[in-house]
PDB file of N, CA and C in Angstrom:
ATOM      1  N   MET A   1      81.334  91.291  95.510  1.00  0.00           N
ATOM      2  CA  MET A   1      82.193  92.406  96.129  1.00  0.00           C
ATOM      3  C   MET A   1      81.252  93.338  96.766  1.00  0.00           C
ATOM      4  N   ARG A   2      80.025  93.480  96.339  1.00  0.00           N
ATOM      5  CA  ARG A   2      79.135  94.518  96.901  1.00  0.00           C
ATOM      6  C   ARG A   2      79.092  94.404  98.443  1.00  0.00           C
ATOM      7  N   LEU A   3      78.857  93.177  98.939  1.00  0.00           N
ATOM      8  CA  LEU A   3      78.818  93.067 100.476  1.00  0.00           C
ATOM      9  C   LEU A   3      80.045  93.327 101.096  1.00  0.00           C
ATOM     10  N   GLN A   4      81.145  92.990 100.519  1.00  0.00           N
ATOM     11  CA  GLN A   4      82.511  93.254 101.135  1.00  0.00           C
ATOM     12  C   GLN A   4      82.713  94.681 101.289  1.00  0.00           C
ATOM     13  N   LEU A   5      82.417  95.504 100.293  1.00  0.00           N
ATOM     14  CA  LEU A   5      82.545  96.911 100.292  1.00  0.00           C
ATOM     15  C   LEU A   5      81.769  97.611 101.493  1.00  0.00           C
ATOM     16  N   GLN A   6      80.690  97.010 101.835  1.00  0.00           N
ATOM     17  CA  GLN A   6      79.891  97.607 102.957  1.00  0.00           C
ATOM     18  C   GLN A   6      80.493  97.293 104.263  1.00  0.00           C
ATOM     19  N   LYS A   7      81.395  96.312 104.374  1.00  0.00           N
ATOM     20  CA  LYS A   7      82.072  95.942 105.692  1.00  0.00           C
ATOM     21  C   LYS A   7      83.293  96.735 105.954  1.00  0.00           C
ATOM     22  N   CYS A   8      83.982  97.330 104.925  1.00  0.00           N
ATOM     23  CA  CYS A   8      85.257  97.925 105.126  1.00  0.00           C
ATOM     24  C   CYS A   8      85.561  98.972 104.122  1.00  0.00           C
ATOM     25  N   ASN A   9      86.702  99.556 104.218  1.00  0.00           N
ATOM     26  CA  ASN A   9      87.225 100.429 103.208  1.00  0.00           C
ATOM     27  C   ASN A   9      87.442  99.704 101.927  1.00  0.00           C
ATOM     28  N   PRO A  10      87.038 100.219 100.683  1.00  0.00           N
ATOM     29  CA  PRO A  10      87.128  99.497  99.526  1.00  0.00           C
ATOM     30  C   PRO A  10      88.572  99.382  99.047  1.00  0.00           C
ATOM     31  N   VAL A  11      89.498 100.213  99.465  1.00  0.00           N
ATOM     32  CA  VAL A  11      90.866 100.221  98.935  1.00  0.00           C
ATOM     33  C   VAL A  11      91.825  99.917 100.100  1.00  0.00           C
ATOM     34  N   PRO A  12      92.411  98.670 100.113  1.00  0.00           N
ATOM     35  CA  PRO A  12      93.336  98.316 101.203  1.00  0.00           C
ATOM     36  C   PRO A  12      94.729  98.548 100.795  1.00  0.00           C
ATOM     37  N   TRP A  13      95.125  98.922  99.574  1.00  0.00           N
ATOM     38  CA  TRP A  13      96.539  98.823  99.214  1.00  0.00           C
ATOM     39  C   TRP A  13      96.650  99.616  97.932  1.00  0.00           C
ATOM     40  N   PHE A  14      97.860 100.286  97.813  1.00  0.00           N
ATOM     41  CA  PHE A  14      98.137 101.017  96.513  1.00  0.00           C
ATOM     42  C   PHE A  14      99.595 100.817  96.202  1.00  0.00           C
ATOM     43  N   GLU A  15      99.820 100.871  94.892  1.00  0.00           N
ATOM     44  CA  GLU A  15     101.211 100.795  94.372  1.00  0.00           C
ATOM     45  C   GLU A  15     101.495 101.912  93.373  1.00  0.00           C
ATOM     46  N   ILE A  16     102.682 102.540  93.571  1.00  0.00           N
ATOM     47  CA  ILE A  16     103.018 103.630  92.693  1.00  0.00           C
ATOM     48  C   ILE A  16     104.315 103.109  91.872  1.00  0.00           C
ATOM     49  N   TYR A  17     104.120 102.928  90.622  1.00  0.00           N
ATOM     50  CA  TYR A  17     105.233 102.323  89.820  1.00  0.00           C
ATOM     51  C   TYR A  17     106.228 103.489  89.476  1.00  0.00           C
ATOM     52  N   VAL A  18     107.482 103.106  89.563  1.00  0.00           N
ATOM     53  CA  VAL A  18     108.529 104.033  89.401  1.00  0.00           C
ATOM     54  C   VAL A  18     109.660 103.564  88.403  1.00  0.00           C
ATOM     55  N   ASP A  19     110.455 104.464  87.862  1.00  0.00           N
ATOM     56  CA  ASP A  19     111.520 104.004  87.037  1.00  0.00           C
ATOM     57  C   ASP A  19     112.839 103.834  87.767  1.00  0.00           C
ATOM     58  N   ASP A  20     113.064 104.692  88.795  1.00  0.00           N
ATOM     59  CA  ASP A  20     114.301 104.654  89.594  1.00  0.00           C
ATOM     60  C   ASP A  20     113.872 104.460  91.052  1.00  0.00           C
ATOM     61  N   LEU A  21     113.860 103.279  91.589  1.00  0.00           N
ATOM     62  CA  LEU A  21     113.362 102.951  92.980  1.00  0.00           C
ATOM     63  C   LEU A  21     114.080 103.742  94.044  1.00  0.00           C
ATOM     64  N   GLY A  22     115.414 103.854  93.850  1.00  0.00           N
ATOM     65  CA  GLY A  22     116.167 104.681  94.895  1.00  0.00           C
ATOM     66  C   GLY A  22     115.869 106.032  94.969  1.00  0.00           C
ATOM     67  N   ARG A  23     115.800 106.680  93.767  1.00  0.00           N
ATOM     68  CA  ARG A  23     115.407 108.063  93.577  1.00  0.00           C
ATOM     69  C   ARG A  23     113.969 108.298  94.155  1.00  0.00           C
ATOM     70  N   ALA A  24     112.980 107.473  93.830  1.00  0.00           N
ATOM     71  CA  ALA A  24     111.655 107.597  94.238  1.00  0.00           C
ATOM     72  C   ALA A  24     111.587 107.435  95.757  1.00  0.00           C
ATOM     73  N   THR A  25     112.332 106.498  96.360  1.00  0.00           N
ATOM     74  CA  THR A  25     112.291 106.219  97.805  1.00  0.00           C
ATOM     75  C   THR A  25     112.830 107.462  98.458  1.00  0.00           C
ATOM     76  N   ARG A  26     113.906 108.052  98.039  1.00  0.00           N
ATOM     77  CA  ARG A  26     114.469 109.285  98.662  1.00  0.00           C
ATOM     78  C   ARG A  26     113.428 110.424  98.589  1.00  0.00           C
ATOM     79  N   PHE A  27     112.758 110.540  97.406  1.00  0.00           N
ATOM     80  CA  PHE A  27     111.786 111.544  97.182  1.00  0.00           C
ATOM     81  C   PHE A  27     110.607 111.479  98.261  1.00  0.00           C
ATOM     82  N   TYR A  28     109.952 110.305  98.347  1.00  0.00           N
ATOM     83  CA  TYR A  28     108.867 110.164  99.354  1.00  0.00           C
ATOM     84  C   TYR A  28     109.387 110.135 100.845  1.00  0.00           C
ATOM     85  N   GLU A  29     110.524 109.671 101.089  1.00  0.00           N
ATOM     86  CA  GLU A  29     111.008 109.715 102.479  1.00  0.00           C
ATOM     87  C   GLU A  29     111.213 111.259 102.837  1.00  0.00           C
ATOM     88  N   SER A  30     111.754 112.008 101.931  1.00  0.00           N
ATOM     89  CA  SER A  30     111.978 113.490 102.142  1.00  0.00           C
ATOM     90  C   SER A  30     110.677 114.258 102.247  1.00  0.00           C
ATOM     91  N   VAL A  31     109.799 114.036 101.275  1.00  0.00           N
ATOM     92  CA  VAL A  31     108.490 114.839 101.238  1.00  0.00           C
ATOM     93  C   VAL A  31     107.640 114.523 102.450  1.00  0.00           C
ATOM     94  N   LEU A  32     107.517 113.177 102.712  1.00  0.00           N
ATOM     95  CA  LEU A  32     106.638 112.780 103.835  1.00  0.00           C
ATOM     96  C   LEU A  32     107.337 112.619 105.216  1.00  0.00           C
ATOM     97  N   GLU A  33     108.598 112.834 105.219  1.00  0.00           N
ATOM     98  CA  GLU A  33     109.418 112.675 106.526  1.00  0.00           C
ATOM     99  C   GLU A  33     109.139 111.301 107.120  1.00  0.00           C
ATOM    100  N   THR A  34     109.255 110.221 106.321  1.00  0.00           N
ATOM    101  CA  THR A  34     109.066 108.937 106.891  1.00  0.00           C
ATOM    102  C   THR A  34     110.068 107.943 106.254  1.00  0.00           C
ATOM    103  N   LYS A  35     110.166 106.805 106.811  1.00  0.00           N
ATOM    104  CA  LYS A  35     111.144 105.835 106.375  1.00  0.00           C
ATOM    105  C   LYS A  35     110.345 104.653 105.595  1.00  0.00           C
ATOM    106  N   LEU A  36     110.703 104.389 104.380  1.00  0.00           N
ATOM    107  CA  LEU A  36     110.222 103.244 103.604  1.00  0.00           C
ATOM    108  C   LEU A  36     111.084 102.061 103.871  1.00  0.00           C
ATOM    109  N   GLU A  37     110.470 100.881 103.879  1.00  0.00           N
ATOM    110  CA  GLU A  37     111.165  99.649 104.129  1.00  0.00           C
ATOM    111  C   GLU A  37     111.122  98.668 102.887  1.00  0.00           C
ATOM    112  N   LYS A  38     112.178  98.010 102.653  1.00  0.00           N
ATOM    113  CA  LYS A  38     112.119  96.993 101.533  1.00  0.00           C
ATOM    114  C   LYS A  38     111.052  95.932 101.913  1.00  0.00           C
ATOM    115  N   LEU A  39     110.198  95.609 100.823  1.00  0.00           N
ATOM    116  CA  LEU A  39     109.179  94.604 100.982  1.00  0.00           C
ATOM    117  C   LEU A  39     109.459  93.501 100.067  1.00  0.00           C
ATOM    118  N   GLU A  40     109.532  92.242 100.562  1.00  0.00           N
ATOM    119  CA  GLU A  40     109.754  91.177  99.688  1.00  0.00           C
ATOM    120  C   GLU A  40     108.578  91.026  98.638  1.00  0.00           C
ATOM    121  N   ALA A  41     108.925  91.017  97.390  1.00  0.00           N
ATOM    122  CA  ALA A  41     107.932  91.026  96.377  1.00  0.00           C
ATOM    123  C   ALA A  41     107.502  89.620  96.038  1.00  0.00           C
ATOM    124  N   PRO A  42     106.247  89.449  95.645  1.00  0.00           N
ATOM    125  CA  PRO A  42     105.780  88.089  95.298  1.00  0.00           C
ATOM    126  C   PRO A  42     106.349  87.572  94.110  1.00  0.00           C
ATOM    127  N   THR A  43     106.991  88.316  93.189  1.00  0.00           N
ATOM    128  CA  THR A  43     107.669  87.814  91.977  1.00  0.00           C
ATOM    129  C   THR A  43     108.945  88.389  91.874  1.00  0.00           C
ATOM    130  N   SER A  44     109.872  87.685  91.091  1.00  0.00           N
ATOM    131  CA  SER A  44     111.208  88.130  91.027  1.00  0.00           C
ATOM    132  C   SER A  44     111.362  89.454  90.055  1.00  0.00           C
ATOM    133  N   GLU A  45     110.419  89.726  89.256  1.00  0.00           N
ATOM    134  CA  GLU A  45     110.565  90.881  88.406  1.00  0.00           C
ATOM    135  C   GLU A  45     110.143  92.130  89.052  1.00  0.00           C
ATOM    136  N   LEU A  46     109.797  92.099  90.281  1.00  0.00           N
ATOM    137  CA  LEU A  46     109.186  93.254  90.989  1.00  0.00           C
ATOM    138  C   LEU A  46     110.120  93.659  92.243  1.00  0.00           C
ATOM    139  N   GLN A  47     110.439  94.972  92.351  1.00  0.00           N
ATOM    140  CA  GLN A  47     111.095  95.419  93.556  1.00  0.00           C
ATOM    141  C   GLN A  47     110.156  96.368  94.223  1.00  0.00           C
ATOM    142  N   MET A  48     110.178  96.324  95.577  1.00  0.00           N
ATOM    143  CA  MET A  48     109.148  97.176  96.292  1.00  0.00           C
ATOM    144  C   MET A  48     109.836  97.742  97.563  1.00  0.00           C
ATOM    145  N   MET A  49     109.390  99.055  97.819  1.00  0.00           N
ATOM    146  CA  MET A  49     109.724  99.741  99.062  1.00  0.00           C
ATOM    147  C   MET A  49     108.381 100.166  99.671  1.00  0.00           C
ATOM    148  N   ALA A  50     108.063  99.723 100.913  1.00  0.00           N
ATOM    149  CA  ALA A  50     106.807  99.917 101.499  1.00  0.00           C
ATOM    150  C   ALA A  50     106.773 101.187 102.351  1.00  0.00           C
ATOM    151  N   PHE A  51     105.550 101.817 102.326  1.00  0.00           N
ATOM    152  CA  PHE A  51     105.290 102.890 103.240  1.00  0.00           C
ATOM    153  C   PHE A  51     104.979 102.252 104.602  1.00  0.00           C
ATOM    154  N   PRO A  52     105.108 103.021 105.598  1.00  0.00           N
ATOM    155  CA  PRO A  52     104.733 102.451 106.946  1.00  0.00           C
ATOM    156  C   PRO A  52     103.289 101.850 106.912  1.00  0.00           C
ATOM    157  N   MET A  53     103.130 100.629 107.649  1.00  0.00           N
ATOM    158  CA  MET A  53     101.875 100.041 107.573  1.00  0.00           C
ATOM    159  C   MET A  53     101.598  99.292 108.863  1.00  0.00           C
ATOM    160  N   SER A  54     100.254  99.133 109.157  1.00  0.00           N
ATOM    161  CA  SER A  54      99.810  98.403 110.317  1.00  0.00           C
ATOM    162  C   SER A  54      98.632  97.588 109.858  1.00  0.00           C
ATOM    163  N   MET A  55      98.663  96.319 109.992  1.00  0.00           N
ATOM    164  CA  MET A  55      97.566  95.460 109.543  1.00  0.00           C
ATOM    165  C   MET A  55      96.312  95.638 110.363  1.00  0.00           C
ATOM    166  N   THR A  56      96.360  96.322 111.573  1.00  0.00           N
ATOM    167  CA  THR A  56      95.240  96.431 112.391  1.00  0.00           C
ATOM    168  C   THR A  56      94.696  97.907 112.453  1.00  0.00           C
ATOM    169  N   SER A  57      95.337  98.818 111.659  1.00  0.00           N
ATOM    170  CA  SER A  57      94.925 100.218 111.650  1.00  0.00           C
ATOM    171  C   SER A  57      93.966 100.410 110.383  1.00  0.00           C
ATOM    172  N   PRO A  58      93.091 101.383 110.488  1.00  0.00           N
ATOM    173  CA  PRO A  58      92.338 101.774 109.368  1.00  0.00           C
ATOM    174  C   PRO A  58      93.184 102.462 108.248  1.00  0.00           C
ATOM    175  N   GLY A  59      92.593 102.563 107.123  1.00  0.00           N
ATOM    176  CA  GLY A  59      93.273 103.271 105.989  1.00  0.00           C
ATOM    177  C   GLY A  59      94.127 102.271 105.194  1.00  0.00           C
ATOM    178  N   ALA A  60      94.651 102.837 104.124  1.00  0.00           N
ATOM    179  CA  ALA A  60      95.474 101.989 103.163  1.00  0.00           C
ATOM    180  C   ALA A  60      96.948 102.312 103.235  1.00  0.00           C
ATOM    181  N   SER A  61      97.684 101.423 103.087  1.00  0.00           N
ATOM    182  CA  SER A  61      99.191 101.534 102.957  1.00  0.00           C
ATOM    183  C   SER A  61      99.502 101.025 101.539  1.00  0.00           C
ATOM    184  N   GLY A  62     100.814 101.134 101.143  1.00  0.00           N
ATOM    185  CA  GLY A  62     101.126 100.784  99.855  1.00  0.00           C
ATOM    186  C   GLY A  62     102.661 100.802  99.606  1.00  0.00           C
ATOM    187  N   ALA A  63     103.127 100.763  98.509  1.00  0.00           N
ATOM    188  CA  ALA A  63     104.498 100.658  98.174  1.00  0.00           C
ATOM    189  C   ALA A  63     104.875 101.276  96.844  1.00  0.00           C
ATOM    190  N   LEU A  64     106.167 101.752  96.776  1.00  0.00           N
ATOM    191  CA  LEU A  64     106.775 102.086  95.503  1.00  0.00           C
ATOM    192  C   LEU A  64     107.145 100.787  94.860  1.00  0.00           C
ATOM    193  N   CYS A  65     106.927 100.646  93.493  1.00  0.00           N
ATOM    194  CA  CYS A  65     107.246  99.419  92.819  1.00  0.00           C
ATOM    195  C   CYS A  65     108.044  99.774  91.553  1.00  0.00           C
ATOM    196  N   LYS A  66     109.044  98.845  91.270  1.00  0.00           N
ATOM    197  CA  LYS A  66     109.837  98.981  90.047  1.00  0.00           C
ATOM    198  C   LYS A  66     109.676  97.602  89.435  1.00  0.00           C
ATOM    199  N   MET A  67     109.141  97.579  88.169  1.00  0.00           N
ATOM    200  CA  MET A  67     109.007  96.404  87.421  1.00  0.00           C
ATOM    201  C   MET A  67     109.158  96.601  85.985  1.00  0.00           C
ATOM    202  N   GLU A  68     109.948  95.745  85.380  1.00  0.00           N
ATOM    203  CA  GLU A  68     110.196  95.816  83.841  1.00  0.00           C
ATOM    204  C   GLU A  68     108.920  95.849  83.171  1.00  0.00           C
ATOM    205  N   GLY A  69     108.803  96.838  82.205  1.00  0.00           N
ATOM    206  CA  GLY A  69     107.637  96.947  81.345  1.00  0.00           C
ATOM    207  C   GLY A  69     106.566  97.815  81.939  1.00  0.00           C
ATOM    208  N   VAL A  70     106.670  98.338  83.125  1.00  0.00           N
ATOM    209  CA  VAL A  70     105.680  99.259  83.693  1.00  0.00           C
ATOM    210  C   VAL A  70     106.486 100.542  83.944  1.00  0.00           C
ATOM    211  N   LYS A  71     106.089 101.599  83.154  1.00  0.00           N
ATOM    212  CA  LYS A  71     106.831 102.931  83.209  1.00  0.00           C
ATOM    213  C   LYS A  71     106.050 103.737  84.228  1.00  0.00           C
ATOM    214  N   ALA A  72     106.908 104.615  84.775  1.00  0.00           N
ATOM    215  CA  ALA A  72     106.315 105.667  85.708  1.00  0.00           C
ATOM    216  C   ALA A  72     105.472 106.733  84.929  1.00  0.00           C
ATOM    217  N   GLY A  73     104.675 107.338  85.606  1.00  0.00           N
ATOM    218  CA  GLY A  73     103.890 108.408  84.968  1.00  0.00           C
ATOM    219  C   GLY A  73     102.520 108.004  84.751  1.00  0.00           C
ATOM    220  N   GLY A  74     101.804 108.338  83.651  1.00  0.00           N
ATOM    221  CA  GLY A  74     100.429 108.014  83.403  1.00  0.00           C
ATOM    222  C   GLY A  74     100.194 106.489  83.528  1.00  0.00           C
ATOM    223  N   GLY A  75      99.175 106.184  84.364  1.00  0.00           N
ATOM    224  CA  GLY A  75      98.765 104.807  84.514  1.00  0.00           C
ATOM    225  C   GLY A  75      99.734 103.933  85.417  1.00  0.00           C
ATOM    226  N   SER A  76     100.534 104.546  86.185  1.00  0.00           N
ATOM    227  CA  SER A  76     101.469 103.860  87.011  1.00  0.00           C
ATOM    228  C   SER A  76     101.195 103.741  88.473  1.00  0.00           C
ATOM    229  N   THR A  77      99.914 104.083  88.811  1.00  0.00           N
ATOM    230  CA  THR A  77      99.446 103.875  90.241  1.00  0.00           C
ATOM    231  C   THR A  77      98.255 102.809  90.142  1.00  0.00           C
ATOM    232  N   MET A  78      98.407 101.732  90.916  1.00  0.00           N
ATOM    233  CA  MET A  78      97.345 100.764  90.929  1.00  0.00           C
ATOM    234  C   MET A  78      96.564 100.722  92.256  1.00  0.00           C
ATOM    235  N   VAL A  79      95.336 100.701  92.150  1.00  0.00           N
ATOM    236  CA  VAL A  79      94.502 100.579  93.354  1.00  0.00           C
ATOM    237  C   VAL A  79      93.964  99.111  93.434  1.00  0.00           C
ATOM    238  N   TYR A  80      94.025  98.615  94.691  1.00  0.00           N
ATOM    239  CA  TYR A  80      93.478  97.276  94.888  1.00  0.00           C
ATOM    240  C   TYR A  80      92.278  97.415  95.719  1.00  0.00           C
ATOM    241  N   PHE A  81      91.217  96.624  95.235  1.00  0.00           N
ATOM    242  CA  PHE A  81      89.913  96.517  95.910  1.00  0.00           C
ATOM    243  C   PHE A  81      89.847  95.269  96.783  1.00  0.00           C
ATOM    244  N   SER A  82      89.227  95.409  97.902  1.00  0.00           N
ATOM    245  CA  SER A  82      89.134  94.243  98.856  1.00  0.00           C
ATOM    246  C   SER A  82      87.988  93.385  98.391  1.00  0.00           C
ATOM    247  N   CYS A  83      88.204  92.097  98.457  1.00  0.00           N
ATOM    248  CA  CYS A  83      87.356  91.060  98.035  1.00  0.00           C
ATOM    249  C   CYS A  83      87.356  89.843  98.974  1.00  0.00           C
ATOM    250  N   GLU A  84      86.218  89.095  99.143  1.00  0.00           N
ATOM    251  CA  GLU A  84      86.272  87.981  99.961  1.00  0.00           C
ATOM    252  C   GLU A  84      87.064  86.859  99.337  1.00  0.00           C
ATOM    253  N   ASP A  85      86.873  86.773  97.971  1.00  0.00           N
ATOM    254  CA  ASP A  85      87.718  85.852  97.202  1.00  0.00           C
ATOM    255  C   ASP A  85      87.939  86.509  95.868  1.00  0.00           C
ATOM    256  N   CYS A  86      89.122  86.916  95.708  1.00  0.00           N
ATOM    257  CA  CYS A  86      89.402  87.783  94.505  1.00  0.00           C
ATOM    258  C   CYS A  86      89.363  87.000  93.139  1.00  0.00           C
ATOM    259  N   GLY A  87      89.368  85.687  93.208  1.00  0.00           N
ATOM    260  CA  GLY A  87      89.154  84.865  92.141  1.00  0.00           C
ATOM    261  C   GLY A  87      87.740  85.007  91.466  1.00  0.00           C
ATOM    262  N   VAL A  88      86.813  85.212  92.404  1.00  0.00           N
ATOM    263  CA  VAL A  88      85.404  85.346  91.978  1.00  0.00           C
ATOM    264  C   VAL A  88      85.316  86.643  91.190  1.00  0.00           C
ATOM    265  N   GLU A  89      85.735  87.670  91.643  1.00  0.00           N
ATOM    266  CA  GLU A  89      85.652  89.005  90.944  1.00  0.00           C
ATOM    267  C   GLU A  89      86.506  88.937  89.675  1.00  0.00           C
ATOM    268  N   ALA A  90      87.705  88.410  89.816  1.00  0.00           N
ATOM    269  CA  ALA A  90      88.528  88.169  88.610  1.00  0.00           C
ATOM    270  C   ALA A  90      87.840  87.445  87.478  1.00  0.00           C
ATOM    271  N   SER A  91      87.037  86.544  87.843  1.00  0.00           N
ATOM    272  CA  SER A  91      86.283  85.682  86.845  1.00  0.00           C
ATOM    273  C   SER A  91      85.277  86.550  86.105  1.00  0.00           C
ATOM    274  N   ARG A  92      84.853  87.736  86.631  1.00  0.00           N
ATOM    275  CA  ARG A  92      83.915  88.606  85.970  1.00  0.00           C
ATOM    276  C   ARG A  92      84.431  89.637  85.070  1.00  0.00           C
ATOM    277  N   ILE A  93      85.751  89.809  85.116  1.00  0.00           N
ATOM    278  CA  ILE A  93      86.429  90.949  84.376  1.00  0.00           C
ATOM    279  C   ILE A  93      86.157  90.872  82.833  1.00  0.00           C
ATOM    280  N   GLU A  94      86.403  89.758  82.223  1.00  0.00           N
ATOM    281  CA  GLU A  94      86.294  89.728  80.795  1.00  0.00           C
ATOM    282  C   GLU A  94      84.828  89.829  80.295  1.00  0.00           C
ATOM    283  N   ALA A  95      83.868  89.283  81.010  1.00  0.00           N
ATOM    284  CA  ALA A  95      82.500  89.477  80.671  1.00  0.00           C
ATOM    285  C   ALA A  95      81.987  90.860  80.857  1.00  0.00           C
ATOM    286  N   ALA A  96      82.581  91.567  81.647  1.00  0.00           N
ATOM    287  CA  ALA A  96      82.224  92.968  81.815  1.00  0.00           C
ATOM    288  C   ALA A  96      82.923  93.996  80.794  1.00  0.00           C
ATOM    289  N   GLY A  97      83.736  93.388  80.026  1.00  0.00           N
ATOM    290  CA  GLY A  97      84.407  94.257  78.916  1.00  0.00           C
ATOM    291  C   GLY A  97      85.811  94.540  79.228  1.00  0.00           C
ATOM    292  N   GLY A  98      86.442  94.014  80.214  1.00  0.00           N
ATOM    293  CA  GLY A  98      87.817  94.236  80.509  1.00  0.00           C
ATOM    294  C   GLY A  98      88.656  92.992  80.144  1.00  0.00           C
ATOM    295  N   LYS A  99      89.943  92.983  80.740  1.00  0.00           N
ATOM    296  CA  LYS A  99      90.883  91.936  80.366  1.00  0.00           C
ATOM    297  C   LYS A  99      91.525  91.518  81.623  1.00  0.00           C
ATOM    298  N   LEU A 100      91.597  90.137  81.932  1.00  0.00           N
ATOM    299  CA  LEU A 100      92.348  89.567  83.050  1.00  0.00           C
ATOM    300  C   LEU A 100      93.799  89.580  82.715  1.00  0.00           C
ATOM    301  N   GLU A 101      94.574  90.419  83.432  1.00  0.00           N
ATOM    302  CA  GLU A 101      96.037  90.491  83.183  1.00  0.00           C
ATOM    303  C   GLU A 101      96.691  89.373  84.056  1.00  0.00           C
ATOM    304  N   ARG A 102      96.319  89.128  85.281  1.00  0.00           N
ATOM    305  CA  ARG A 102      96.927  88.080  86.111  1.00  0.00           C
ATOM    306  C   ARG A 102      95.869  87.498  86.996  1.00  0.00           C
ATOM    307  N   PRO A 103      95.660  86.204  86.852  1.00  0.00           N
ATOM    308  CA  PRO A 103      94.603  85.567  87.698  1.00  0.00           C
ATOM    309  C   PRO A 103      94.908  85.480  89.099  1.00  0.00           C
ATOM    310  N   LYS A 104      94.084  85.055  89.904  1.00  0.00           N
ATOM    311  CA  LYS A 104      94.287  84.891  91.401  1.00  0.00           C
ATOM    312  C   LYS A 104      95.666  84.323  91.644  1.00  0.00           C
ATOM    313  N   THR A 105      96.445  84.963  92.371  1.00  0.00           N
ATOM    314  CA  THR A 105      97.852  84.503  92.594  1.00  0.00           C
ATOM    315  C   THR A 105      98.163  84.689  94.083  1.00  0.00           C
ATOM    316  N   SER A 106      98.846  83.719  94.767  1.00  0.00           N
ATOM    317  CA  SER A 106      99.233  83.803  96.134  1.00  0.00           C
ATOM    318  C   SER A 106     100.315  84.909  96.289  1.00  0.00           C
ATOM    319  N   ILE A 107     100.188  85.645  97.318  1.00  0.00           N
ATOM    320  CA  ILE A 107     101.261  86.637  97.730  1.00  0.00           C
ATOM    321  C   ILE A 107     101.715  86.313  99.067  1.00  0.00           C
ATOM    322  N   GLY A 108     101.812  85.013  99.375  1.00  0.00           N
ATOM    323  CA  GLY A 108     102.207  84.563 100.627  1.00  0.00           C
ATOM    324  C   GLY A 108     101.429  84.958 101.859  1.00  0.00           C
ATOM    325  N   PRO A 109     102.065  85.498 102.900  1.00  0.00           N
ATOM    326  CA  PRO A 109     101.375  85.835 104.056  1.00  0.00           C
ATOM    327  C   PRO A 109     100.352  86.974 103.906  1.00  0.00           C
ATOM    328  N   TYR A 110     100.428  87.693 102.795  1.00  0.00           N
ATOM    329  CA  TYR A 110      99.505  88.790 102.506  1.00  0.00           C
ATOM    330  C   TYR A 110      98.227  88.434 101.862  1.00  0.00           C
ATOM    331  N   GLY A 111      98.107  87.115 101.492  1.00  0.00           N
ATOM    332  CA  GLY A 111      96.834  86.641 100.941  1.00  0.00           C
ATOM    333  C   GLY A 111      96.968  86.357  99.443  1.00  0.00           C
ATOM    334  N   PHE A 112      96.005  86.840  98.702  1.00  0.00           N
ATOM    335  CA  PHE A 112      95.982  86.635  97.192  1.00  0.00           C
ATOM    336  C   PHE A 112      95.699  87.814  96.533  1.00  0.00           C
ATOM    337  N   MET A 113      96.012  87.993  95.151  1.00  0.00           N
ATOM    338  CA  MET A 113      95.672  89.095  94.350  1.00  0.00           C
ATOM    339  C   MET A 113      95.501  88.588  92.988  1.00  0.00           C
ATOM    340  N   ALA A 114      94.693  89.492  92.263  1.00  0.00           N
ATOM    341  CA  ALA A 114      94.481  89.313  90.804  1.00  0.00           C
ATOM    342  C   ALA A 114      94.589  90.676  90.221  1.00  0.00           C
ATOM    343  N   ILE A 115      94.908  90.777  88.894  1.00  0.00           N
ATOM    344  CA  ILE A 115      95.050  92.002  88.272  1.00  0.00           C
ATOM    345  C   ILE A 115      94.260  92.093  87.008  1.00  0.00           C
ATOM    346  N   GLY A 116      93.494  93.098  86.736  1.00  0.00           N
ATOM    347  CA  GLY A 116      92.598  93.268  85.638  1.00  0.00           C
ATOM    348  C   GLY A 116      92.800  94.603  84.964  1.00  0.00           C
ATOM    349  N   ILE A 117      92.373  94.694  83.789  1.00  0.00           N
ATOM    350  CA  ILE A 117      92.343  95.960  83.033  1.00  0.00           C
ATOM    351  C   ILE A 117      90.894  96.320  82.803  1.00  0.00           C
ATOM    352  N   ASP A 118      90.504  97.462  83.096  1.00  0.00           N
ATOM    353  CA  ASP A 118      89.111  97.856  83.053  1.00  0.00           C
ATOM    354  C   ASP A 118      88.692  98.174  81.592  1.00  0.00           C
ATOM    355  N   SER A 119      87.505  98.519  81.410  1.00  0.00           N
ATOM    356  CA  SER A 119      87.024  98.714  80.042  1.00  0.00           C
ATOM    357  C   SER A 119      87.631 100.083  79.442  1.00  0.00           C
ATOM    358  N   GLU A 120      88.318 100.883  80.217  1.00  0.00           N
ATOM    359  CA  GLU A 120      88.956 102.098  79.725  1.00  0.00           C
ATOM    360  C   GLU A 120      90.413 101.903  79.591  1.00  0.00           C
ATOM    361  N   GLY A 121      90.970 100.752  79.935  1.00  0.00           N
ATOM    362  CA  GLY A 121      92.417 100.541  79.831  1.00  0.00           C
ATOM    363  C   GLY A 121      93.239 100.709  81.043  1.00  0.00           C
ATOM    364  N   ASN A 122      92.525 101.040  82.221  1.00  0.00           N
ATOM    365  CA  ASN A 122      93.157 101.249  83.490  1.00  0.00           C
ATOM    366  C   ASN A 122      93.446  99.918  84.196  1.00  0.00           C
ATOM    367  N   MET A 123      94.646  99.720  84.649  1.00  0.00           N
ATOM    368  CA  MET A 123      94.938  98.445  85.482  1.00  0.00           C
ATOM    369  C   MET A 123      94.459  98.688  86.922  1.00  0.00           C
ATOM    370  N   PHE A 124      93.947  97.637  87.513  1.00  0.00           N
ATOM    371  CA  PHE A 124      93.568  97.662  88.911  1.00  0.00           C
ATOM    372  C   PHE A 124      93.730  96.280  89.519  1.00  0.00           C
ATOM    373  N   GLY A 125      93.826  96.245  90.827  1.00  0.00           N
ATOM    374  CA  GLY A 125      93.896  94.984  91.498  1.00  0.00           C
ATOM    375  C   GLY A 125      92.829  94.558  92.423  1.00  0.00           C
ATOM    376  N   LEU A 126      92.710  93.309  92.614  1.00  0.00           N
ATOM    377  CA  LEU A 126      91.801  92.762  93.588  1.00  0.00           C
ATOM    378  C   LEU A 126      92.588  92.032  94.679  1.00  0.00           C
ATOM    379  N   HIS A 127      92.226  92.166  95.874  1.00  0.00           N
ATOM    380  CA  HIS A 127      92.914  91.574  97.075  1.00  0.00           C
ATOM    381  C   HIS A 127      92.129  90.818  98.001  1.00  0.00           C
ATOM    382  N   THR A 128      92.553  89.678  98.320  1.00  0.00           N
ATOM    383  CA  THR A 128      91.956  88.898  99.407  1.00  0.00           C
ATOM    384  C   THR A 128      92.959  88.598 100.552  1.00  0.00           C
ATOM    385  N   PRO A 129      92.624  88.964 101.766  1.00  0.00           N
ATOM    386  CA  PRO A 129      93.558  88.742 102.808  1.00  0.00           C
ATOM    387  C   PRO A 129      93.819  87.271 103.021  1.00  0.00           C
TER     388      PRO A 129
END
């Protein structure tokens, strides 16, 4: 991952987990004066509303997410780090003292992702376009 971080911004995507997706969507649309769009989620247990995004512009975009078992509040924002092959970085998580929550998984046209828990209990994501 070290080489990949030198080539681009290290965070390409974020997720803010919410309890009430409609309420949270209205909140962010009002505060940021922008329109969020429904994003097809990679799994059936997840609902997503995406902030405006452009695959060719710099910076990170992300989405509001509602998923059973993930409460809003502390620990409900997830940062994804860019990787050439997220499976490689995911394979290092447990040896480094963390836990692999979800191995490399296809997210269709958006590439692949893996989810880990760091040594402090924080969940984070790895992403490969």
